N, C-alpha and C. Protein backbone atom coordinates (compact mmCIF):
# COMPACT_ATOMS: atom_id res chain seq x y z
N MET A 1 235.85 -56.00 21.75
CA MET A 1 235.75 -55.99 23.18
C MET A 1 235.54 -57.43 23.64
N LEU A 2 236.27 -57.83 24.67
CA LEU A 2 236.15 -59.18 25.24
C LEU A 2 235.75 -59.11 26.71
N VAL A 3 234.87 -60.00 27.11
CA VAL A 3 234.52 -60.16 28.53
C VAL A 3 235.27 -61.40 29.01
N VAL A 4 236.15 -61.20 29.99
CA VAL A 4 236.99 -62.29 30.50
C VAL A 4 236.80 -62.39 32.01
N ALA A 5 236.64 -63.61 32.50
CA ALA A 5 236.54 -63.86 33.94
C ALA A 5 237.45 -65.02 34.29
N LYS A 6 238.32 -64.79 35.26
CA LYS A 6 239.25 -65.83 35.70
C LYS A 6 240.00 -66.44 34.51
N ARG A 7 240.48 -65.57 33.64
CA ARG A 7 241.27 -65.95 32.46
C ARG A 7 240.49 -66.77 31.43
N THR A 8 239.18 -66.78 31.54
CA THR A 8 238.34 -67.49 30.58
C THR A 8 237.58 -66.46 29.75
N LYS A 9 237.69 -66.56 28.44
CA LYS A 9 236.95 -65.67 27.55
C LYS A 9 235.49 -66.10 27.54
N LEU A 10 234.61 -65.21 27.96
CA LEU A 10 233.19 -65.53 28.05
C LEU A 10 232.40 -65.07 26.84
N LEU A 11 232.72 -63.88 26.34
CA LEU A 11 231.93 -63.27 25.28
C LEU A 11 232.73 -62.16 24.64
N GLY A 12 232.54 -61.99 23.36
CA GLY A 12 233.15 -60.88 22.66
C GLY A 12 232.09 -60.08 21.93
N ALA A 13 232.38 -58.82 21.68
CA ALA A 13 231.45 -57.97 20.94
C ALA A 13 232.22 -57.05 20.02
N ILE A 14 231.69 -56.91 18.83
CA ILE A 14 232.18 -55.93 17.88
C ILE A 14 231.12 -54.85 17.83
N VAL A 15 231.49 -53.62 18.14
CA VAL A 15 230.54 -52.51 18.21
C VAL A 15 230.80 -51.59 17.03
N GLU A 16 229.71 -51.29 16.32
CA GLU A 16 229.85 -50.45 15.12
C GLU A 16 228.72 -49.43 15.06
N ALA A 17 229.07 -48.19 14.82
CA ALA A 17 228.06 -47.15 14.57
C ALA A 17 227.67 -47.23 13.10
N GLN A 18 226.37 -47.17 12.85
CA GLN A 18 225.88 -47.27 11.47
C GLN A 18 225.05 -46.02 11.20
N LEU A 19 225.53 -45.18 10.28
CA LEU A 19 224.88 -43.91 9.99
C LEU A 19 223.85 -43.99 8.87
N ARG A 20 223.98 -45.02 8.01
CA ARG A 20 223.07 -45.17 6.88
C ARG A 20 222.99 -46.64 6.50
N THR A 21 222.00 -46.99 5.71
CA THR A 21 221.92 -48.37 5.23
C THR A 21 223.07 -48.59 4.26
N GLU A 22 223.62 -49.78 4.30
CA GLU A 22 224.78 -50.12 3.47
C GLU A 22 224.73 -51.63 3.23
N GLU A 23 224.23 -52.02 2.08
CA GLU A 23 223.97 -53.43 1.80
C GLU A 23 225.20 -54.32 2.02
N ARG A 24 226.38 -53.80 1.83
CA ARG A 24 227.60 -54.59 2.03
C ARG A 24 227.68 -55.12 3.46
N LYS A 25 227.12 -54.39 4.42
CA LYS A 25 227.16 -54.82 5.83
C LYS A 25 226.44 -56.14 6.03
N ARG A 26 225.48 -56.47 5.17
CA ARG A 26 224.75 -57.73 5.28
C ARG A 26 225.70 -58.91 5.06
N TYR A 27 226.84 -58.65 4.45
CA TYR A 27 227.87 -59.68 4.24
C TYR A 27 228.99 -59.58 5.26
N THR A 28 229.34 -58.35 5.64
CA THR A 28 230.50 -58.20 6.54
C THR A 28 230.17 -58.46 8.00
N TRP A 29 228.98 -58.11 8.48
CA TRP A 29 228.66 -58.34 9.89
C TRP A 29 228.76 -59.81 10.29
N PRO A 30 228.20 -60.74 9.52
CA PRO A 30 228.38 -62.15 9.90
C PRO A 30 229.86 -62.56 9.88
N HIS A 31 230.60 -62.02 8.93
CA HIS A 31 232.03 -62.33 8.84
C HIS A 31 232.78 -61.81 10.07
N TYR A 32 232.45 -60.60 10.51
CA TYR A 32 233.08 -60.05 11.72
C TYR A 32 232.90 -61.01 12.89
N ALA A 33 231.66 -61.45 13.10
CA ALA A 33 231.34 -62.30 14.26
C ALA A 33 232.01 -63.66 14.17
N THR A 34 231.95 -64.30 13.01
CA THR A 34 232.53 -65.64 12.89
C THR A 34 234.05 -65.59 12.89
N GLY A 35 234.62 -64.57 12.28
CA GLY A 35 236.08 -64.43 12.29
C GLY A 35 236.62 -64.21 13.70
N ALA A 36 235.96 -63.33 14.45
CA ALA A 36 236.38 -63.06 15.83
C ALA A 36 236.14 -64.28 16.71
N ARG A 37 235.05 -64.99 16.46
CA ARG A 37 234.76 -66.22 17.22
C ARG A 37 235.87 -67.24 17.02
N ALA A 38 236.31 -67.42 15.78
CA ALA A 38 237.39 -68.38 15.50
C ALA A 38 238.71 -67.93 16.11
N ARG A 39 238.98 -66.64 16.02
CA ARG A 39 240.26 -66.12 16.53
C ARG A 39 240.34 -66.20 18.05
N HIS A 40 239.26 -65.85 18.73
CA HIS A 40 239.28 -65.78 20.20
C HIS A 40 238.69 -67.01 20.89
N GLU A 41 238.09 -67.90 20.10
CA GLU A 41 237.50 -69.14 20.62
C GLU A 41 236.49 -68.89 21.73
N CYS A 42 235.56 -67.99 21.44
CA CYS A 42 234.44 -67.73 22.34
C CYS A 42 233.30 -67.12 21.52
N PRO A 43 232.09 -67.11 22.07
CA PRO A 43 230.97 -66.52 21.34
C PRO A 43 231.20 -65.03 21.08
N PHE A 44 230.76 -64.55 19.93
CA PHE A 44 230.88 -63.14 19.57
C PHE A 44 229.56 -62.63 19.03
N LEU A 45 229.30 -61.37 19.28
CA LEU A 45 228.13 -60.73 18.70
C LEU A 45 228.56 -59.43 18.03
N VAL A 46 227.71 -58.98 17.13
CA VAL A 46 227.90 -57.67 16.50
C VAL A 46 226.82 -56.76 17.07
N LEU A 47 227.25 -55.64 17.65
CA LEU A 47 226.33 -54.64 18.19
C LEU A 47 226.38 -53.42 17.29
N VAL A 48 225.24 -53.12 16.68
CA VAL A 48 225.13 -51.97 15.79
C VAL A 48 224.41 -50.85 16.53
N ILE A 49 225.01 -49.68 16.53
CA ILE A 49 224.38 -48.50 17.13
C ILE A 49 223.96 -47.59 16.00
N ALA A 50 222.65 -47.38 15.89
CA ALA A 50 222.09 -46.56 14.81
C ALA A 50 221.32 -45.40 15.43
N LEU A 51 221.70 -44.19 15.09
CA LEU A 51 221.02 -43.02 15.64
C LEU A 51 219.76 -42.66 14.85
N ASP A 52 219.56 -43.30 13.72
CA ASP A 52 218.40 -43.06 12.88
C ASP A 52 217.47 -44.28 12.96
N ALA A 53 216.17 -44.04 13.19
CA ALA A 53 215.22 -45.15 13.37
C ALA A 53 215.13 -46.03 12.13
N ALA A 54 215.15 -45.44 10.94
CA ALA A 54 215.06 -46.23 9.71
C ALA A 54 216.30 -47.11 9.54
N VAL A 55 217.46 -46.60 9.89
CA VAL A 55 218.69 -47.39 9.81
C VAL A 55 218.63 -48.52 10.83
N ALA A 56 218.12 -48.26 12.02
CA ALA A 56 217.99 -49.31 13.04
C ALA A 56 217.05 -50.41 12.56
N ARG A 57 215.91 -50.03 11.96
CA ARG A 57 214.98 -51.05 11.43
C ARG A 57 215.65 -51.89 10.36
N TRP A 58 216.39 -51.26 9.47
CA TRP A 58 217.11 -51.98 8.42
C TRP A 58 218.13 -52.95 9.03
N ALA A 59 218.90 -52.47 10.01
CA ALA A 59 219.96 -53.28 10.62
C ALA A 59 219.39 -54.47 11.38
N ARG A 60 218.17 -54.37 11.89
CA ARG A 60 217.56 -55.46 12.65
C ARG A 60 217.07 -56.61 11.78
N GLN A 61 217.02 -56.43 10.49
CA GLN A 61 216.53 -57.49 9.62
C GLN A 61 217.47 -58.70 9.69
N PRO A 62 216.91 -59.91 9.81
CA PRO A 62 217.75 -61.11 9.81
C PRO A 62 218.53 -61.21 8.50
N ILE A 63 219.73 -61.72 8.59
CA ILE A 63 220.59 -61.90 7.41
C ILE A 63 220.62 -63.38 7.07
N ASP A 64 220.07 -63.72 5.93
CA ASP A 64 220.02 -65.11 5.47
C ASP A 64 221.40 -65.52 4.96
N LEU A 65 221.99 -66.51 5.62
CA LEU A 65 223.30 -67.00 5.22
C LEU A 65 223.19 -68.17 4.25
N GLY A 66 221.99 -68.63 4.03
CA GLY A 66 221.77 -69.76 3.15
C GLY A 66 221.66 -71.06 3.92
N PHE A 67 220.95 -72.01 3.33
CA PHE A 67 220.81 -73.36 3.88
C PHE A 67 220.28 -73.37 5.31
N GLY A 68 219.38 -72.42 5.61
CA GLY A 68 218.74 -72.39 6.92
C GLY A 68 219.47 -71.62 8.00
N SER A 69 220.65 -71.12 7.71
CA SER A 69 221.41 -70.35 8.71
C SER A 69 221.05 -68.87 8.60
N VAL A 70 220.86 -68.26 9.76
CA VAL A 70 220.48 -66.84 9.81
C VAL A 70 221.36 -66.14 10.84
N PHE A 71 221.80 -64.93 10.52
CA PHE A 71 222.58 -64.11 11.44
C PHE A 71 221.73 -62.89 11.79
N ARG A 72 221.73 -62.54 13.07
CA ARG A 72 220.99 -61.37 13.53
C ARG A 72 221.92 -60.47 14.35
N PRO A 73 222.26 -59.30 13.83
CA PRO A 73 223.04 -58.38 14.65
C PRO A 73 222.18 -57.83 15.79
N HIS A 74 222.79 -57.48 16.88
CA HIS A 74 222.10 -56.80 17.97
C HIS A 74 222.13 -55.32 17.64
N VAL A 75 221.00 -54.65 17.77
CA VAL A 75 220.89 -53.26 17.33
C VAL A 75 220.32 -52.39 18.45
N ILE A 76 220.97 -51.26 18.67
CA ILE A 76 220.43 -50.23 19.55
C ILE A 76 220.10 -49.05 18.66
N GLY A 77 218.82 -48.70 18.62
CA GLY A 77 218.36 -47.56 17.83
C GLY A 77 218.16 -46.35 18.72
N PRO A 78 217.66 -45.26 18.13
CA PRO A 78 217.50 -44.03 18.92
C PRO A 78 216.57 -44.21 20.12
N GLU A 79 215.62 -45.15 20.02
CA GLU A 79 214.70 -45.38 21.14
C GLU A 79 215.42 -46.02 22.33
N GLY A 80 216.58 -46.59 22.10
CA GLY A 80 217.34 -47.24 23.17
C GLY A 80 218.45 -46.38 23.73
N ILE A 81 218.54 -45.15 23.25
CA ILE A 81 219.58 -44.23 23.71
C ILE A 81 218.89 -43.08 24.43
N PRO A 82 219.04 -43.00 25.75
CA PRO A 82 218.33 -41.95 26.49
C PRO A 82 218.85 -40.56 26.12
N MET A 83 217.94 -39.61 26.11
CA MET A 83 218.30 -38.22 25.85
C MET A 83 218.86 -37.62 27.14
N LEU A 84 220.11 -37.22 27.12
CA LEU A 84 220.72 -36.57 28.28
C LEU A 84 220.59 -35.07 28.10
N THR A 85 219.80 -34.45 28.94
CA THR A 85 219.57 -33.00 28.84
C THR A 85 220.25 -32.23 29.96
N ASP A 86 220.72 -32.93 30.97
CA ASP A 86 221.38 -32.29 32.10
C ASP A 86 222.89 -32.37 31.91
N ALA A 87 223.56 -31.23 31.97
CA ALA A 87 225.00 -31.18 31.74
C ALA A 87 225.78 -32.02 32.74
N ASP A 88 225.34 -32.06 34.00
CA ASP A 88 226.03 -32.86 35.00
C ASP A 88 225.91 -34.35 34.69
N ASP A 89 224.70 -34.78 34.28
CA ASP A 89 224.51 -36.18 33.88
C ASP A 89 225.41 -36.53 32.70
N ALA A 90 225.47 -35.63 31.74
CA ALA A 90 226.30 -35.86 30.55
C ALA A 90 227.77 -35.95 30.93
N ALA A 91 228.21 -35.10 31.84
CA ALA A 91 229.61 -35.11 32.26
C ALA A 91 229.97 -36.40 32.98
N ARG A 92 229.02 -36.99 33.70
CA ARG A 92 229.28 -38.24 34.42
C ARG A 92 229.24 -39.46 33.49
N ASN A 93 228.65 -39.31 32.32
CA ASN A 93 228.50 -40.44 31.41
C ASN A 93 228.83 -40.00 29.99
N LEU A 94 230.10 -39.73 29.74
CA LEU A 94 230.53 -39.20 28.45
C LEU A 94 230.21 -40.11 27.27
N PRO A 95 230.40 -41.44 27.37
CA PRO A 95 230.04 -42.28 26.22
C PRO A 95 228.56 -42.16 25.84
N MET A 96 227.68 -42.13 26.85
CA MET A 96 226.25 -41.99 26.56
C MET A 96 225.95 -40.59 26.03
N ALA A 97 226.63 -39.59 26.56
CA ALA A 97 226.42 -38.22 26.08
C ALA A 97 226.81 -38.09 24.62
N ALA A 98 227.84 -38.81 24.21
CA ALA A 98 228.27 -38.76 22.82
C ALA A 98 227.21 -39.33 21.88
N MET A 99 226.43 -40.29 22.35
CA MET A 99 225.39 -40.89 21.51
C MET A 99 224.06 -40.17 21.64
N SER A 100 223.85 -39.46 22.73
CA SER A 100 222.57 -38.80 22.97
C SER A 100 222.38 -37.66 21.98
N VAL A 101 221.27 -37.72 21.27
CA VAL A 101 220.99 -36.67 20.28
C VAL A 101 219.63 -36.06 20.51
């Protein structure tokens, strides 16, 4: 996803749902961000959506890239996803309803 204003790329985001801990992601998430940054020539972030609190805590851990460089994915855990209990609210906001558990 890219945010563009007046033909200028302002920010990009890679959004990924994470259902379980997966150590390989500690290597791929930084690669996603830097590869997209190079390709689109704008800042990029990785946004991880985790419906499980333990997975969210794991995903929030800083990733040591070595030599003082650290990558931190942005994480939305279950505490950041409102519970939609009203059918009309859910119908008006289908993306949020899909994440609401």
